[in-house]
Amino acid sequence: MTPEFLGGNKLRLLMNGDDYFPALQQAFDAAQSEIYIETYIFADDDTGRRIAGALVRAAGRGVIVHVLVDGFGSKGMFEQTRALLSAGNIEVLIFGPKTSPLTLRRNRLRRLHRKLVVVDARVAFIGGINVIDDMHTPRHTPPRYDYAVRIEGPLIASVLDQAERLWHRVAWASLRRSVQRRLPVSAAPRGNQRAALVVRDNLSHRSDIEDAYLGAIAAARKEVIIANAYFFPGASFRRALRLAATRGVRVVLLLQGRIEYALLHYATRALYGPLLDSGVEIYEYHKSFLHAKVAVIDRRWATVGSSNIDPFSLLLAREANIVVDDAGFSQELRRSLHDHMQDGAKVVAKVAWHGQPRWRRFLIWSAYGCARMLMGLLGYGGKKR
């Protein structure tokens, strides 16, 4: 599906928690009527308590606050913050059944992974940043590298519609009666930027985010830059990148360099050879943990959101990305990506890659085989995407 771009928006690129959390808190402190917040992780840490405190203050002023948190992503991390929110007369719902982390049932992996906020139907936030402290994480050099976007303008209507639909669906499934205050959407033009909301769900938008990427890559004429934390695309996506590179487009991938999830880390590296052989440039980010899910194409098209390029995001999770058609926004994101590639990333050289020792090749291809087997067990191995 082609993204439906709307003009008249005002967008602000936010990098890391240093930009995101103050902007979020400011919006909550200015709220007058209603707040929706969806997140995969809402942590019991300083950042979680800070954001929860802003929500409690809003509720104390009479603002209706809806908090929707993924049950798997926040498991064991949300109890104290949930109690704080509930004591502040805030509605809290948990997305997803309580299932064992050892089960292979698909439903366990159908998670709420999107990070989406709407305040008073006039300002929204979309990105990849969870409500979690990115400065004091064990085994982690701060800050975690990620992006979000603050939105004003006509696109607010689409974001609010998604937030309301999912909230009511989860409330109904939880047998909860939900308080709602329907506000007139502030859809008046606030700027001159064109943008679209692209979501992934298990109903009518199963491949919209991947289709948006594939369409933009196929149309690229000069440059494709993708930064993605968890990169394990299917055959169609890999083919699109290789075809772009072979027709003379500069294709650059900024990927996770640190080992966070060992199986995915090594399985991803099984994909490097054919990409490098096609002329794709690969950089691995080592300065801190990469959590970004962004792209810039031809210095005009850009996307920021929650969707990784892996089976979890593209086939299973609920995701939300903003797609932007604007040279100024895209070039700001491009500059930021280049700065991080120069400061915190290492290039993967084709000659060195093909000259790896046999033991490392065995490790990589074993991980790839295990990852493909797990996809098959979950019922997603047969359809290559």
Protein backbone atom coordinates (compact mmCIF):
# COMPACT_ATOMS: atom_id res chain seq x y z
CA MET A 1 0.00 0.00 0.00
CA THR A 2 1.34 3.46 -0.94
CA PRO A 3 1.53 5.84 2.05
CA GLU A 4 -1.11 8.57 2.04
CA PHE A 5 0.85 11.78 2.51
CA LEU A 6 -0.78 14.80 4.16
CA GLY A 7 0.63 18.31 3.90
CA GLY A 8 0.64 21.10 6.45
CA ASN A 9 2.53 19.30 9.21
CA LYS A 10 5.19 20.60 11.58
CA LEU A 11 7.72 17.91 12.45
CA ARG A 12 10.59 17.96 14.93
CA LEU A 13 13.25 15.24 14.90
CA LEU A 14 14.16 14.03 18.41
CA MET A 15 17.32 12.06 19.09
CA ASN A 16 17.71 9.79 22.11
CA GLY A 17 16.08 10.25 25.49
CA ASP A 18 17.81 13.61 25.99
CA ASP A 19 15.49 15.12 23.36
CA TYR A 20 12.48 12.84 23.68
CA PHE A 21 11.65 12.71 27.38
CA PRO A 22 11.75 16.49 28.04
CA ALA A 23 9.50 17.03 24.99
CA LEU A 24 7.13 14.33 26.23
CA GLN A 25 7.02 15.73 29.75
CA GLN A 26 6.41 19.24 28.43
CA ALA A 27 3.44 18.00 26.38
CA PHE A 28 2.00 16.12 29.37
CA ASP A 29 2.39 19.12 31.66
CA ALA A 30 0.52 21.28 29.13
CA ALA A 31 -2.27 18.72 28.56
CA GLN A 32 -5.80 19.89 29.26
CA SER A 33 -8.13 17.08 28.22
CA GLU A 34 -6.84 13.65 27.10
CA ILE A 35 -3.61 11.66 26.68
CA TYR A 36 -2.96 8.35 24.92
CA ILE A 37 0.40 6.65 25.37
CA GLU A 38 1.40 3.26 23.92
CA THR A 39 4.79 1.67 24.59
CA TYR A 40 6.48 -1.70 24.52
CA ILE A 41 8.46 -0.99 27.71
CA PHE A 42 7.44 1.27 30.60
CA ALA A 43 10.19 0.72 33.15
CA ASP A 44 10.39 1.02 36.93
CA ASP A 45 13.36 3.38 36.79
CA ASP A 46 14.07 7.11 37.10
CA THR A 47 12.79 7.84 33.59
CA GLY A 48 9.66 5.73 34.06
CA ARG A 49 8.86 7.47 37.34
CA ARG A 50 9.53 10.88 35.79
CA ILE A 51 7.10 10.27 32.92
CA ALA A 52 4.58 8.60 35.25
CA GLY A 53 4.76 11.65 37.52
CA ALA A 54 3.89 13.95 34.61
CA LEU A 55 0.92 11.71 33.75
CA VAL A 56 -0.27 11.69 37.37
CA ARG A 57 -0.07 15.50 37.50
CA ALA A 58 -2.13 15.67 34.31
CA ALA A 59 -4.75 13.31 35.73
CA GLY A 60 -4.88 15.48 38.86
CA ARG A 61 -5.93 18.40 36.64
CA GLY A 62 -8.79 16.33 35.24
CA VAL A 63 -7.03 15.06 32.11
CA ILE A 64 -8.16 11.55 31.05
CA VAL A 65 -5.00 9.47 30.66
CA HIS A 66 -4.88 6.15 28.77
CA VAL A 67 -1.73 4.05 29.22
CA LEU A 68 -1.34 0.92 27.07
CA VAL A 69 1.74 -1.22 27.74
CA ASP A 70 2.88 -4.49 26.21
CA GLY A 71 2.62 -7.35 28.68
CA PHE A 72 5.73 -9.16 27.45
CA GLY A 73 8.02 -6.19 26.86
CA SER A 74 7.27 -4.67 30.27
CA LYS A 75 6.99 -7.93 32.20
CA GLY A 76 8.78 -7.62 35.54
CA MET A 77 9.61 -3.95 34.84
CA PHE A 78 6.30 -2.16 35.28
CA GLU A 79 4.78 -3.17 38.62
CA GLN A 80 5.80 -0.15 40.72
CA THR A 81 5.10 2.35 37.96
CA ARG A 82 1.73 0.73 37.27
CA ALA A 83 0.79 1.09 40.95
CA LEU A 84 1.83 4.76 40.83
CA LEU A 85 -0.32 5.37 37.76
CA SER A 86 -3.32 3.49 39.11
CA ALA A 87 -3.14 5.40 42.39
CA GLY A 88 -3.28 8.58 40.32
CA ASN A 89 -6.63 7.54 38.80
CA ILE A 90 -5.07 6.67 35.47
CA GLU A 91 -6.43 3.94 33.18
CA VAL A 92 -3.80 1.26 32.52
CA LEU A 93 -4.29 -1.63 30.10
CA ILE A 94 -1.89 -4.47 29.28
CA PHE A 95 -1.61 -5.70 25.70
CA GLY A 96 -1.12 -9.42 25.11
CA PRO A 97 -1.88 -12.65 26.91
CA LYS A 98 0.20 -13.96 29.79
CA THR A 99 2.12 -16.78 28.17
CA SER A 100 5.32 -18.54 29.03
CA PRO A 101 8.43 -17.13 27.33
CA LEU A 102 9.28 -20.73 26.39
CA THR A 103 6.16 -21.38 24.33
CA LEU A 104 6.30 -21.40 20.54
CA ARG A 105 2.73 -20.19 20.17
CA ARG A 106 2.48 -17.34 17.68
CA ASN A 107 0.26 -15.31 19.98
CA ARG A 108 3.13 -14.76 22.40
CA LEU A 109 4.99 -12.91 19.67
CA ARG A 110 2.05 -10.79 18.55
CA ARG A 111 3.19 -7.85 20.61
CA LEU A 112 2.51 -4.14 20.91
CA HIS A 113 5.89 -2.83 19.80
CA ARG A 114 4.89 0.64 18.62
CA LYS A 115 5.71 3.79 20.59
CA LEU A 116 2.91 6.28 20.04
CA VAL A 117 1.62 9.26 22.05
CA VAL A 118 -1.24 11.71 21.41
CA VAL A 119 -1.94 14.73 23.64
CA ASP A 120 -5.19 16.73 23.43
CA ALA A 121 -5.63 15.71 19.76
CA ARG A 122 -3.12 18.44 18.89
CA VAL A 123 0.38 16.98 19.31
CA ALA A 124 1.69 13.46 18.78
CA PHE A 125 4.94 11.51 19.06
CA ILE A 126 6.06 8.48 17.05
CA GLY A 127 9.41 6.72 17.19
CA GLY A 128 11.43 3.87 18.56
CA ILE A 129 12.12 5.09 22.09
CA ASN A 130 10.65 3.14 25.01
CA VAL A 131 9.92 4.71 28.39
CA ILE A 132 13.16 3.52 29.94
CA ASP A 133 16.34 5.14 31.21
CA ASP A 134 18.89 5.02 28.40
CA MET A 135 21.74 6.38 30.54
CA HIS A 136 22.17 3.80 33.31
CA THR A 137 21.74 0.41 31.69
CA PRO A 138 24.13 -2.45 32.62
CA ARG A 139 26.53 -3.55 29.85
CA HIS A 140 25.70 -0.38 27.99
CA THR A 141 27.65 2.77 27.15
CA PRO A 142 25.03 5.52 27.23
CA PRO A 143 22.98 6.75 25.60
CA ARG A 144 21.08 4.13 23.60
CA TYR A 145 21.00 5.50 20.03
CA ASP A 146 17.43 6.10 18.80
CA TYR A 147 15.01 8.61 17.28
CA ALA A 148 11.43 9.89 17.58
CA VAL A 149 9.36 12.64 15.92
CA ARG A 150 7.10 15.29 17.45
CA ILE A 151 4.10 15.98 15.17
CA GLU A 152 1.62 18.81 14.83
CA GLY A 153 -0.87 19.29 12.00
CA PRO A 154 -3.30 17.22 9.91
CA LEU A 155 -1.45 13.92 10.48
CA ILE A 156 -2.66 14.04 14.10
CA ALA A 157 -6.05 12.69 12.99
CA SER A 158 -4.51 9.45 11.71
CA VAL A 159 -2.38 8.96 14.82
CA LEU A 160 -5.33 9.57 17.15
CA ASP A 161 -7.53 7.20 15.16
CA GLN A 162 -4.96 4.41 15.57
CA ALA A 163 -4.58 5.08 19.31
CA GLU A 164 -8.33 5.10 19.95
CA ARG A 165 -9.01 1.97 17.89
CA LEU A 166 -6.41 -0.13 19.69
CA TRP A 167 -7.34 1.20 23.12
CA HIS A 168 -10.99 0.23 22.68
CA ARG A 169 -10.09 -3.17 21.25
CA VAL A 170 -7.89 -3.99 24.24
CA ALA A 171 -10.44 -2.56 26.69
CA TRP A 172 -13.16 -4.73 25.14
CA ALA A 173 -10.95 -7.84 25.27
CA SER A 174 -10.11 -7.06 28.90
CA LEU A 175 -13.79 -6.60 29.79
CA ARG A 176 -13.00 -3.07 30.91
CA ARG A 177 -15.32 -0.10 30.59
CA SER A 178 -13.17 2.76 29.40
CA VAL A 179 -13.68 6.48 29.99
CA GLN A 180 -13.17 8.50 26.81
CA ARG A 181 -13.44 12.14 25.91
CA ARG A 182 -13.65 12.61 22.15
CA LEU A 183 -11.92 15.85 21.18
CA PRO A 184 -12.07 17.80 17.94
CA VAL A 185 -8.81 17.05 16.15
CA SER A 186 -6.50 20.02 15.68
CA ALA A 187 -6.02 19.36 11.96
CA ALA A 188 -5.28 22.93 10.90
CA PRO A 189 -1.97 23.33 9.03
CA ARG A 190 0.93 23.98 11.40
CA GLY A 191 3.76 23.83 8.90
CA ASN A 192 4.60 22.85 5.33
CA GLN A 193 5.88 19.27 5.69
CA ARG A 194 4.26 16.25 4.03
CA ALA A 195 4.05 13.06 6.06
CA ALA A 196 2.11 9.82 6.38
CA LEU A 197 1.43 7.36 9.18
CA VAL A 198 2.22 3.76 8.27
CA VAL A 199 1.27 0.97 10.66
CA ARG A 200 1.60 -2.79 10.81
CA ASP A 201 -1.12 -4.97 12.31
CA ASN A 202 -2.49 -8.46 11.80
CA LEU A 203 -5.60 -7.40 9.89
CA SER A 204 -5.62 -4.94 6.98
CA HIS A 205 -2.09 -3.55 7.32
CA ARG A 206 0.02 -6.67 7.45
CA SER A 207 2.77 -5.49 5.09
CA ASP A 208 2.32 -1.72 4.84
CA ILE A 209 5.63 -0.76 6.47
CA GLU A 210 7.66 -3.23 4.43
CA ASP A 211 5.82 -2.15 1.27
CA ALA A 212 6.67 1.50 2.00
CA TYR A 213 10.36 0.60 2.30
CA LEU A 214 10.33 -1.53 -0.85
CA GLY A 215 8.56 1.14 -2.88
CA ALA A 216 11.02 3.83 -1.82
CA ILE A 217 14.06 1.60 -2.44
CA ALA A 218 12.77 0.65 -5.91
CA ALA A 219 12.33 4.34 -6.76
CA ALA A 220 15.74 5.40 -5.40
CA ARG A 221 18.07 7.06 -7.88
CA LYS A 222 21.06 8.23 -5.81
CA GLU A 223 21.21 7.02 -2.21
CA VAL A 224 19.61 4.69 0.34
CA ILE A 225 20.68 4.94 3.99
CA ILE A 226 19.07 2.59 6.51
CA ALA A 227 19.86 2.42 10.22
CA ASN A 228 18.21 -0.53 11.90
CA ALA A 229 18.87 -2.22 15.21
CA TYR A 230 17.62 -5.72 14.37
CA PHE A 231 18.20 -6.49 10.70
CA PHE A 232 17.14 -9.87 9.36
CA PRO A 233 15.10 -9.14 6.21
CA GLY A 234 13.51 -11.65 3.90
CA ALA A 235 14.49 -12.39 0.31
CA SER A 236 12.43 -9.58 -1.28
CA PHE A 237 13.98 -6.90 0.88
CA ARG A 238 17.53 -8.16 0.34
CA ARG A 239 16.92 -8.37 -3.40
CA ALA A 240 15.65 -4.78 -3.47
CA LEU A 241 18.83 -3.55 -1.76
CA ARG A 242 21.08 -5.51 -4.13
CA LEU A 243 19.21 -4.31 -7.23
CA ALA A 244 19.47 -0.71 -6.08
CA ALA A 245 23.23 -1.05 -5.55
CA THR A 246 23.79 -2.73 -8.92
CA ARG A 247 21.98 0.07 -10.78
CA GLY A 248 24.37 2.63 -9.24
CA VAL A 249 22.49 3.73 -6.13
CA ARG A 250 24.68 4.18 -3.06
CA VAL A 251 23.20 1.79 -0.47
CA VAL A 252 24.40 2.19 3.13
CA LEU A 253 23.37 0.05 6.11
CA LEU A 254 24.12 1.12 9.70
CA LEU A 255 23.57 -1.97 11.85
CA GLN A 256 24.05 -3.15 15.41
CA GLY A 257 27.70 -3.79 16.19
CA ARG A 258 27.39 -4.87 19.80
CA ILE A 259 26.11 -8.29 20.79
CA GLU A 260 22.72 -7.80 22.42
CA TYR A 261 20.89 -10.95 21.25
CA ALA A 262 23.56 -13.42 20.18
CA LEU A 263 21.42 -15.55 17.83
CA LEU A 264 20.17 -12.60 15.80
CA HIS A 265 23.59 -10.91 15.93
CA TYR A 266 25.34 -13.80 14.21
CA ALA A 267 22.41 -14.78 11.96
CA THR A 268 22.34 -11.25 10.53
CA ARG A 269 25.97 -11.58 9.52
CA ALA A 270 25.14 -14.49 7.24
CA LEU A 271 23.47 -11.90 4.99
CA TYR A 272 26.54 -9.69 4.65
CA GLY A 273 28.36 -11.53 1.85
CA PRO A 274 25.85 -11.13 -1.02
CA LEU A 275 25.09 -7.54 0.04
CA LEU A 276 28.77 -6.57 0.09
CA ASP A 277 29.34 -8.33 -3.24
CA SER A 278 26.55 -6.20 -4.76
CA GLY A 279 28.21 -2.99 -3.59
CA VAL A 280 26.18 -2.34 -0.44
CA GLU A 281 28.16 -0.49 2.25
CA ILE A 282 27.75 -1.90 5.76
CA TYR A 283 28.70 -0.08 8.95
CA GLU A 284 28.42 -1.59 12.44
CA TYR A 285 27.69 0.79 15.32
CA HIS A 286 29.83 0.07 18.38
CA LYS A 287 29.79 3.24 20.49
CA SER A 288 26.58 2.25 22.29
CA PHE A 289 23.57 0.02 21.62
CA LEU A 290 21.86 0.98 18.38
CA HIS A 291 18.07 1.00 18.77
CA ALA A 292 17.14 3.22 15.80
CA LYS A 293 14.72 2.18 13.04
CA VAL A 294 15.11 4.95 10.45
CA ALA A 295 15.96 5.51 6.79
CA VAL A 296 16.68 8.33 4.34
CA ILE A 297 16.36 7.86 0.57
CA ASP A 298 17.51 10.37 -2.05
CA ARG A 299 17.71 13.07 0.66
CA ARG A 300 13.94 13.51 0.40
CA TRP A 301 12.11 10.42 1.68
CA ALA A 302 12.58 9.46 5.32
CA THR A 303 11.02 7.18 7.90
CA VAL A 304 11.26 7.07 11.70
CA GLY A 305 9.43 4.57 13.85
CA SER A 306 9.33 1.38 15.86
CA SER A 307 9.66 -1.19 13.09
CA ASN A 308 12.85 -3.17 12.78
CA ILE A 309 13.59 -5.02 9.55
CA ASP A 310 13.19 -8.52 10.92
CA PRO A 311 10.41 -11.15 11.13
CA PHE A 312 9.26 -9.93 14.55
CA SER A 313 8.48 -6.41 13.32
CA LEU A 314 7.52 -7.16 9.72
CA LEU A 315 5.36 -10.24 10.35
CA LEU A 316 4.20 -10.26 13.97
CA ALA A 317 4.25 -7.04 16.00
CA ARG A 318 2.08 -3.96 15.94
CA GLU A 319 4.32 -1.19 14.68
CA ALA A 320 4.02 2.49 13.73
CA ASN A 321 6.31 4.56 11.51
CA ILE A 322 6.05 8.08 10.21
CA VAL A 323 7.08 8.45 6.56
CA VAL A 324 8.18 11.95 5.54
CA ASP A 325 8.42 13.58 2.11
CA ASP A 326 10.47 16.65 2.97
CA ALA A 327 14.02 17.64 2.03
CA GLY A 328 14.75 19.63 5.20
CA PHE A 329 13.67 16.88 7.61
CA SER A 330 15.37 14.16 5.58
CA GLN A 331 18.66 16.01 5.34
CA GLU A 332 18.67 16.67 9.10
CA LEU A 333 18.25 12.94 9.74
CA ARG A 334 20.87 12.15 7.09
CA ARG A 335 23.42 14.46 8.75
CA SER A 336 22.77 12.83 12.10
CA LEU A 337 23.27 9.35 10.64
CA HIS A 338 26.51 10.37 8.96
CA ASP A 339 27.78 11.93 12.20
CA HIS A 340 27.12 8.67 14.05
CA MET A 341 28.70 6.56 11.32
CA GLN A 342 31.86 8.66 11.52
CA ASP A 343 31.96 8.85 15.30
CA GLY A 344 30.74 5.46 16.50
CA ALA A 345 30.73 2.94 13.65
CA LYS A 346 33.22 0.69 11.85
CA VAL A 347 32.99 -0.15 8.17
CA VAL A 348 32.73 -3.84 7.22
CA ALA A 349 35.35 -4.39 4.50
CA LYS A 350 34.42 -6.90 1.81
CA VAL A 351 37.91 -8.46 1.61
CA ALA A 352 38.19 -8.88 5.37
CA TRP A 353 34.67 -10.28 5.54
CA HIS A 354 35.32 -13.02 3.00
CA GLY A 355 38.64 -13.81 4.70
CA GLN A 356 37.10 -14.73 8.06
CA PRO A 357 38.35 -17.87 9.83
CA ARG A 358 36.32 -21.04 9.40
CA TRP A 359 35.22 -21.21 13.03
CA ARG A 360 33.54 -17.80 12.72
CA ARG A 361 31.83 -18.78 9.47
CA PHE A 362 30.54 -21.92 11.18
CA LEU A 363 29.17 -19.84 14.07
CA ILE A 364 27.44 -17.42 11.69
CA TRP A 365 25.82 -20.06 9.50
CA SER A 366 24.78 -22.13 12.52
CA ALA A 367 23.02 -19.08 13.95
CA TYR A 368 21.40 -18.41 10.58
CA GLY A 369 20.13 -21.99 10.39
CA CYS A 370 18.70 -21.79 13.91
CA ALA A 371 16.98 -18.49 13.15
CA ARG A 372 15.43 -19.90 9.98
CA MET A 373 14.30 -23.01 11.85
CA LEU A 374 12.59 -20.92 14.53
CA MET A 375 10.80 -18.94 11.84
CA GLY A 376 9.61 -22.20 10.34
CA LEU A 377 8.37 -23.53 13.70
CA LEU A 378 6.36 -20.34 14.13
CA GLY A 379 4.80 -20.83 10.73
CA TYR A 380 6.55 -18.01 8.93
CA GLY A 381 9.35 -19.83 7.17
CA GLY A 382 7.48 -20.64 3.98
CA LYS A 383 6.70 -17.15 2.77
CA LYS A 384 9.84 -15.24 1.88
CA ARG A 385 9.46 -11.51 2.19
